[in-house]
Amino acid sequence: MHKHLRNAAITLGGTLLSSIAIAAPEQQAAAFMDIYSSHCLKYLHDFDGLRKHLSTTPQLPAEKAAMFLQGAKGNAWVVPSQHGQFVLVVHQDKNMCALYAKTVPADATKALFEKAMSKPPAPFASERKRNTADKGPDGVKSTVAYEWSNGQSPRKPLFALTVTTSKSSVAQGVATAAIGH
């Protein structure tokens, strides 16, 4: 299962995303998905390996990381990109990685996420577990989630994305990757 997840991350980061024609407004969405696939997906089975990979990247101070960890134990890093402000969070007690984007175009990000998560590489099958949109006073918040399974393991990868069009939100995009049961 771990080998298949690593191969999926390589496929998503190396061929799928690089083959998408990118217009200027979509560069943030593409950067977001590239960081997500090269960190959260690639290391989904090995968060210690991800922490080691990030060992030379400065961590957020505990007081700033707390906002992203939301009470959980873990670490947070700013991931440098010319296309936006991104924070990567790896939980210590859960098998979960999250990527936050200060600003990201909701529709473009959701389209890239759905394209990547709805068609996993073999031997995985994908099932959409959630697709909601809620209109609020300052924008629309949309969440989509997919679960991958291969019929061989009870532990299934779960991928979720929440995006908002709100200009006042702390993060306009949050993507998570976790191993569920």
Foldseek 3Di string as FASTA:
>chain_A
DLVQQLVQLCCLQPPVLVPDDDDPQLPLLSVQSNCCSVQCRNCLVPVVVSCVVCVVFDWDPPVVVCVVCVPFDWTKGFDDDPNFTKIWTQGDPFSKIKIFTQDHDDVSNVVSVCVSQCDTDPPKHKDKDDWDWDADPQWIKIKTKIWIDRVPDPWIKIKMKIAIPGNPDRTRIMIMIHTHD
